[in-house]
Amino acid sequence: MAIPAQITDGTQVCPDSYTPIYHAYNNGPAQGKESGFRYVSDRSVLEPLLDEGWIDAGIAFCGAGAS
């Protein structure tokens, strides 16, 4: 089950029983490519993509039981 991230003190968060699902966007059209998105529960997986110029889009949603 997935729910939207909540905003607490201006920061996206998930309730304790949910795992944040992060996403990044490749900004494809600006680079002459198709748009691409990556969704992960382990934010460290996005680091190499961000180093390549992908855009950190924060928490896409919160997943129950996701890991």
PDB file of N, CA and C in Angstrom:
ATOM      1  N   MET A   1       0.844  -1.165   0.000  1.00  0.00           N
ATOM      2  CA  MET A   1       0.000   0.000   0.000  1.00  0.00           C
ATOM      3  C   MET A   1       0.898   1.239   0.000  1.00  0.00           C
ATOM      4  N   ALA A   2       0.510   2.238  -0.726  1.00  0.00           N
ATOM      5  CA  ALA A   2       1.275   3.483  -0.814  1.00  0.00           C
ATOM      6  C   ALA A   2       0.394   4.662  -0.416  1.00  0.00           C
ATOM      7  N   ILE A   3       1.045   5.637   0.227  1.00  0.00           N
ATOM      8  CA  ILE A   3       0.368   6.875   0.598  1.00  0.00           C
ATOM      9  C   ILE A   3       1.280   8.040   0.217  1.00  0.00           C
ATOM     10  N   PRO A   4       0.731   9.236   0.057  1.00  0.00           N
ATOM     11  CA  PRO A   4       1.580  10.397  -0.242  1.00  0.00           C
ATOM     12  C   PRO A   4       2.489  10.740   0.935  1.00  0.00           C
ATOM     13  N   ALA A   5       3.625  11.309   0.629  1.00  0.00           N
ATOM     14  CA  ALA A   5       4.505  11.827   1.676  1.00  0.00           C
ATOM     15  C   ALA A   5       3.806  12.992   2.356  1.00  0.00           C
ATOM     16  N   GLN A   6       4.124  13.192   3.619  1.00  0.00           N
ATOM     17  CA  GLN A   6       3.563  14.289   4.371  1.00  0.00           C
ATOM     18  C   GLN A   6       4.619  15.380   4.503  1.00  0.00           C
ATOM     19  N   ILE A   7       4.180  16.596   4.720  1.00  0.00           N
ATOM     20  CA  ILE A   7       5.098  17.716   4.919  1.00  0.00           C
ATOM     21  C   ILE A   7       5.087  18.078   6.401  1.00  0.00           C
ATOM     22  N   THR A   8       6.257  17.995   7.024  1.00  0.00           N
ATOM     23  CA  THR A   8       6.420  18.367   8.427  1.00  0.00           C
ATOM     24  C   THR A   8       7.563  19.368   8.504  1.00  0.00           C
ATOM     25  N   ASP A   9       7.263  20.557   8.989  1.00  0.00           N
ATOM     26  CA  ASP A   9       8.263  21.625   9.084  1.00  0.00           C
ATOM     27  C   ASP A   9       8.957  21.869   7.744  1.00  0.00           C
ATOM     28  N   GLY A  10       8.197  21.791   6.654  1.00  0.00           N
ATOM     29  CA  GLY A  10       8.730  22.055   5.323  1.00  0.00           C
ATOM     30  C   GLY A  10       9.526  20.911   4.711  1.00  0.00           C
ATOM     31  N   THR A  11       9.520  19.748   5.351  1.00  0.00           N
ATOM     32  CA  THR A  11      10.277  18.597   4.870  1.00  0.00           C
ATOM     33  C   THR A  11       9.339  17.434   4.583  1.00  0.00           C
ATOM     34  N   GLN A  12       9.593  16.727   3.476  1.00  0.00           N
ATOM     35  CA  GLN A  12       8.808  15.535   3.161  1.00  0.00           C
ATOM     36  C   GLN A  12       9.187  14.419   4.124  1.00  0.00           C
ATOM     37  N   VAL A  13       8.187  13.754   4.687  1.00  0.00           N
ATOM     38  CA  VAL A  13       8.423  12.640   5.601  1.00  0.00           C
ATOM     39  C   VAL A  13       7.354  11.566   5.386  1.00  0.00           C
ATOM     40  N   CYS A  14       7.665  10.368   5.865  1.00  0.00           N
ATOM     41  CA  CYS A  14       6.703   9.267   5.856  1.00  0.00           C
ATOM     42  C   CYS A  14       6.403   8.882   7.301  1.00  0.00           C
ATOM     43  N   PRO A  15       5.192   8.390   7.563  1.00  0.00           N
ATOM     44  CA  PRO A  15       4.900   7.898   8.913  1.00  0.00           C
ATOM     45  C   PRO A  15       5.876   6.764   9.275  1.00  0.00           C
ATOM     46  N   ASP A  16       6.050   6.524  10.569  1.00  0.00           N
ATOM     47  CA  ASP A  16       7.014   5.522  11.039  1.00  0.00           C
ATOM     48  C   ASP A  16       6.819   4.138  10.426  1.00  0.00           C
ATOM     49  N   SER A  17       5.617   3.733  10.161  1.00  0.00           N
ATOM     50  CA  SER A  17       5.370   2.384   9.638  1.00  0.00           C
ATOM     51  C   SER A  17       5.521   2.296   8.114  1.00  0.00           C
ATOM     52  N   TYR A  18       5.938   3.380   7.469  1.00  0.00           N
ATOM     53  CA  TYR A  18       6.090   3.422   6.015  1.00  0.00           C
ATOM     54  C   TYR A  18       7.539   3.722   5.636  1.00  0.00           C
ATOM     55  N   THR A  19       7.927   3.236   4.474  1.00  0.00           N
ATOM     56  CA  THR A  19       9.264   3.473   3.955  1.00  0.00           C
ATOM     57  C   THR A  19       9.191   4.521   2.849  1.00  0.00           C
ATOM     58  N   PRO A  20      10.046   5.545   2.891  1.00  0.00           N
ATOM     59  CA  PRO A  20      10.042   6.517   1.797  1.00  0.00           C
ATOM     60  C   PRO A  20      10.544   5.882   0.503  1.00  0.00           C
ATOM     61  N   ILE A  21       9.847   6.162  -0.573  1.00  0.00           N
ATOM     62  CA  ILE A  21      10.279   5.739  -1.905  1.00  0.00           C
ATOM     63  C   ILE A  21      10.715   7.009  -2.624  1.00  0.00           C
ATOM     64  N   TYR A  22      12.017   7.103  -2.846  1.00  0.00           N
ATOM     65  CA  TYR A  22      12.616   8.287  -3.450  1.00  0.00           C
ATOM     66  C   TYR A  22      12.592   8.178  -4.962  1.00  0.00           C
ATOM     67  N   HIS A  23      12.618   9.337  -5.628  1.00  0.00           N
ATOM     68  CA  HIS A  23      12.713   9.280  -7.082  1.00  0.00           C
ATOM     69  C   HIS A  23      13.605  10.386  -7.617  1.00  0.00           C
ATOM     70  N   ALA A  24      14.146  10.090  -8.791  1.00  0.00           N
ATOM     71  CA  ALA A  24      14.999  11.039  -9.506  1.00  0.00           C
ATOM     72  C   ALA A  24      14.511  11.098 -10.950  1.00  0.00           C
ATOM     73  N   TYR A  25      14.752  12.218 -11.565  1.00  0.00           N
ATOM     74  CA  TYR A  25      14.322  12.484 -12.944  1.00  0.00           C
ATOM     75  C   TYR A  25      15.543  12.836 -13.767  1.00  0.00           C
ATOM     76  N   ASN A  26      15.638  12.261 -14.974  1.00  0.00           N
ATOM     77  CA  ASN A  26      16.839  12.491 -15.785  1.00  0.00           C
ATOM     78  C   ASN A  26      16.819  13.792 -16.582  1.00  0.00           C
ATOM     79  N   ASN A  27      15.708  14.542 -16.553  1.00  0.00           N
ATOM     80  CA  ASN A  27      15.603  15.802 -17.305  1.00  0.00           C
ATOM     81  C   ASN A  27      15.923  15.558 -18.777  1.00  0.00           C
ATOM     82  N   GLY A  28      15.426  14.430 -19.287  1.00  0.00           N
ATOM     83  CA  GLY A  28      15.726  13.985 -20.642  1.00  0.00           C
ATOM     84  C   GLY A  28      15.522  15.000 -21.749  1.00  0.00           C
ATOM     85  N   PRO A  29      14.367  15.646 -21.842  1.00  0.00           N
ATOM     86  CA  PRO A  29      14.147  16.579 -22.948  1.00  0.00           C
ATOM     87  C   PRO A  29      15.210  17.679 -23.037  1.00  0.00           C
ATOM     88  N   ALA A  30      15.714  18.125 -21.898  1.00  0.00           N
ATOM     89  CA  ALA A  30      16.751  19.162 -21.906  1.00  0.00           C
ATOM     90  C   ALA A  30      18.077  18.628 -22.437  1.00  0.00           C
ATOM     91  N   GLN A  31      18.199  17.289 -22.449  1.00  0.00           N
ATOM     92  CA  GLN A  31      19.422  16.658 -22.920  1.00  0.00           C
ATOM     93  C   GLN A  31      19.219  15.932 -24.246  1.00  0.00           C
ATOM     94  N   GLY A  32      18.055  16.135 -24.870  1.00  0.00           N
ATOM     95  CA  GLY A  32      17.761  15.475 -26.136  1.00  0.00           C
ATOM     96  C   GLY A  32      17.475  13.993 -25.987  1.00  0.00           C
ATOM     97  N   LYS A  33      16.994  13.572 -24.809  1.00  0.00           N
ATOM     98  CA  LYS A  33      16.688  12.166 -24.521  1.00  0.00           C
ATOM     99  C   LYS A  33      15.234  12.032 -24.099  1.00  0.00           C
ATOM    100  N   GLU A  34      14.770  10.796 -24.015  1.00  0.00           N
ATOM    101  CA  GLU A  34      13.445  10.543 -23.460  1.00  0.00           C
ATOM    102  C   GLU A  34      13.493  10.775 -21.952  1.00  0.00           C
ATOM    103  N   SER A  35      12.351  11.156 -21.393  1.00  0.00           N
ATOM    104  CA  SER A  35      12.274  11.321 -19.943  1.00  0.00           C
ATOM    105  C   SER A  35      12.465   9.975 -19.264  1.00  0.00           C
ATOM    106  N   GLY A  36      13.130   9.990 -18.123  1.00  0.00           N
ATOM    107  CA  GLY A  36      13.328   8.772 -17.360  1.00  0.00           C
ATOM    108  C   GLY A  36      13.227   9.054 -15.878  1.00  0.00           C
ATOM    109  N   PHE A  37      12.661   8.126 -15.147  1.00  0.00           N
ATOM    110  CA  PHE A  37      12.505   8.246 -13.705  1.00  0.00           C
ATOM    111  C   PHE A  37      13.075   6.999 -13.052  1.00  0.00           C
ATOM    112  N   ARG A  38      13.601   7.142 -11.853  1.00  0.00           N
ATOM    113  CA  ARG A  38      14.096   6.008 -11.075  1.00  0.00           C
ATOM    114  C   ARG A  38      13.477   6.101  -9.698  1.00  0.00           C
ATOM    115  N   TYR A  39      12.880   5.009  -9.238  1.00  0.00           N
ATOM    116  CA  TYR A  39      12.245   4.936  -7.924  1.00  0.00           C
ATOM    117  C   TYR A  39      12.989   3.907  -7.085  1.00  0.00           C
ATOM    118  N   VAL A  40      13.406   4.288  -5.883  1.00  0.00           N
ATOM    119  CA  VAL A  40      14.169   3.386  -5.019  1.00  0.00           C
ATOM    120  C   VAL A  40      13.807   3.624  -3.549  1.00  0.00           C
ATOM    121  N   SER A  41      13.962   2.583  -2.742  1.00  0.00           N
ATOM    122  CA  SER A  41      13.749   2.741  -1.300  1.00  0.00           C
ATOM    123  C   SER A  41      15.058   3.050  -0.583  1.00  0.00           C
ATOM    124  N   ASP A  42      16.177   2.811  -1.235  1.00  0.00           N
ATOM    125  CA  ASP A  42      17.497   3.106  -0.668  1.00  0.00           C
ATOM    126  C   ASP A  42      18.054   4.329  -1.392  1.00  0.00           C
ATOM    127  N   ARG A  43      18.015   5.470  -0.732  1.00  0.00           N
ATOM    128  CA  ARG A  43      18.394   6.721  -1.376  1.00  0.00           C
ATOM    129  C   ARG A  43      19.828   6.708  -1.914  1.00  0.00           C
ATOM    130  N   SER A  44      20.707   5.934  -1.301  1.00  0.00           N
ATOM    131  CA  SER A  44      22.099   5.893  -1.750  1.00  0.00           C
ATOM    132  C   SER A  44      22.226   5.375  -3.181  1.00  0.00           C
ATOM    133  N   VAL A  45      21.237   4.630  -3.640  1.00  0.00           N
ATOM    134  CA  VAL A  45      21.240   4.115  -5.020  1.00  0.00           C
ATOM    135  C   VAL A  45      21.137   5.274  -6.011  1.00  0.00           C
ATOM    136  N   LEU A  46      20.536   6.382  -5.594  1.00  0.00           N
ATOM    137  CA  LEU A  46      20.377   7.533  -6.483  1.00  0.00           C
ATOM    138  C   LEU A  46      21.645   8.366  -6.622  1.00  0.00           C
ATOM    139  N   GLU A  47      22.560   8.267  -5.679  1.00  0.00           N
ATOM    140  CA  GLU A  47      23.749   9.122  -5.687  1.00  0.00           C
ATOM    141  C   GLU A  47      24.507   9.108  -7.016  1.00  0.00           C
ATOM    142  N   PRO A  48      24.797   7.941  -7.611  1.00  0.00           N
ATOM    143  CA  PRO A  48      25.501   7.961  -8.905  1.00  0.00           C
ATOM    144  C   PRO A  48      24.705   8.677 -10.003  1.00  0.00           C
ATOM    145  N   LEU A  49      23.381   8.544  -9.956  1.00  0.00           N
ATOM    146  CA  LEU A  49      22.547   9.229 -10.954  1.00  0.00           C
ATOM    147  C   LEU A  49      22.598  10.739 -10.750  1.00  0.00           C
ATOM    148  N   LEU A  50      22.543  11.167  -9.503  1.00  0.00           N
ATOM    149  CA  LEU A  50      22.609  12.597  -9.207  1.00  0.00           C
ATOM    150  C   LEU A  50      23.956  13.162  -9.642  1.00  0.00           C
ATOM    151  N   ASP A  51      25.010  12.368  -9.479  1.00  0.00           N
ATOM    152  CA  ASP A  51      26.342  12.789  -9.935  1.00  0.00           C
ATOM    153  C   ASP A  51      26.395  12.950 -11.454  1.00  0.00           C
ATOM    154  N   GLU A  52      25.500  12.233 -12.169  1.00  0.00           N
ATOM    155  CA  GLU A  52      25.443  12.323 -13.628  1.00  0.00           C
ATOM    156  C   GLU A  52      24.489  13.416 -14.105  1.00  0.00           C
ATOM    157  N   GLY A  53      23.911  14.171 -13.166  1.00  0.00           N
ATOM    158  CA  GLY A  53      23.049  15.278 -13.553  1.00  0.00           C
ATOM    159  C   GLY A  53      21.561  15.021 -13.428  1.00  0.00           C
ATOM    160  N   TRP A  54      21.173  13.850 -12.914  1.00  0.00           N
ATOM    161  CA  TRP A  54      19.757  13.613 -12.678  1.00  0.00           C
ATOM    162  C   TRP A  54      19.271  14.573 -11.600  1.00  0.00           C
ATOM    163  N   ILE A  55      17.966  14.839 -11.569  1.00  0.00           N
ATOM    164  CA  ILE A  55      17.367  15.755 -10.611  1.00  0.00           C
ATOM    165  C   ILE A  55      16.770  14.962  -9.452  1.00  0.00           C
ATOM    166  N   ASP A  56      17.157  15.326  -8.236  1.00  0.00           N
ATOM    167  CA  ASP A  56      16.607  14.694  -7.037  1.00  0.00           C
ATOM    168  C   ASP A  56      15.193  15.222  -6.847  1.00  0.00           C
ATOM    169  N   ALA A  57      14.204  14.365  -6.994  1.00  0.00           N
ATOM    170  CA  ALA A  57      12.812  14.787  -6.895  1.00  0.00           C
ATOM    171  C   ALA A  57      12.200  14.451  -5.537  1.00  0.00           C
ATOM    172  N   GLY A  58      13.022  14.045  -4.574  1.00  0.00           N
ATOM    173  CA  GLY A  58      12.535  13.812  -3.217  1.00  0.00           C
ATOM    174  C   GLY A  58      11.772  12.508  -3.063  1.00  0.00           C
ATOM    175  N   ILE A  59      10.831  12.519  -2.128  1.00  0.00           N
ATOM    176  CA  ILE A  59      10.028  11.324  -1.849  1.00  0.00           C
ATOM    177  C   ILE A  59       8.838  11.311  -2.806  1.00  0.00           C
ATOM    178  N   ALA A  60       8.714  10.239  -3.565  1.00  0.00           N
ATOM    179  CA  ALA A  60       7.589  10.094  -4.490  1.00  0.00           C
ATOM    180  C   ALA A  60       6.328   9.685  -3.744  1.00  0.00           C
ATOM    181  N   PHE A  61       6.500   8.751  -2.803  1.00  0.00           N
ATOM    182  CA  PHE A  61       5.392   8.257  -1.981  1.00  0.00           C
ATOM    183  C   PHE A  61       5.970   7.446  -0.835  1.00  0.00           C
ATOM    184  N   CYS A  62       5.101   7.025   0.051  1.00  0.00           N
ATOM    185  CA  CYS A  62       5.510   6.213   1.198  1.00  0.00           C
ATOM    186  C   CYS A  62       4.893   4.838   1.026  1.00  0.00           C
ATOM    187  N   GLY A  63       5.709   3.806   1.153  1.00  0.00           N
ATOM    188  CA  GLY A  63       5.234   2.443   0.936  1.00  0.00           C
ATOM    189  C   GLY A  63       5.211   1.646   2.227  1.00  0.00           C
ATOM    190  N   ALA A  64       4.099   0.953   2.460  1.00  0.00           N
ATOM    191  CA  ALA A  64       3.997   0.080   3.622  1.00  0.00           C
ATOM    192  C   ALA A  64       4.705  -1.233   3.300  1.00  0.00           C
ATOM    193  N   GLY A  65       5.604  -1.632   4.160  1.00  0.00           N
ATOM    194  CA  GLY A  65       6.301  -2.883   3.954  1.00  0.00           C
ATOM    195  C   GLY A  65       7.365  -2.838   2.878  1.00  0.00           C
ATOM    196  N   ALA A  66       7.635  -1.691   2.303  1.00  0.00           N
ATOM    197  CA  ALA A  66       8.666  -1.572   1.260  1.00  0.00           C
ATOM    198  C   ALA A  66      10.032  -1.629   1.912  1.00  0.00           C
ATOM    199  N   SER A  67      10.986  -2.120   1.156  1.00  0.00           N
ATOM    200  CA  SER A  67      12.365  -2.115   1.666  1.00  0.00           C
ATOM    201  C   SER A  67      13.347  -2.070   0.528  1.00  0.00           C
TER     202      SER A  67
END
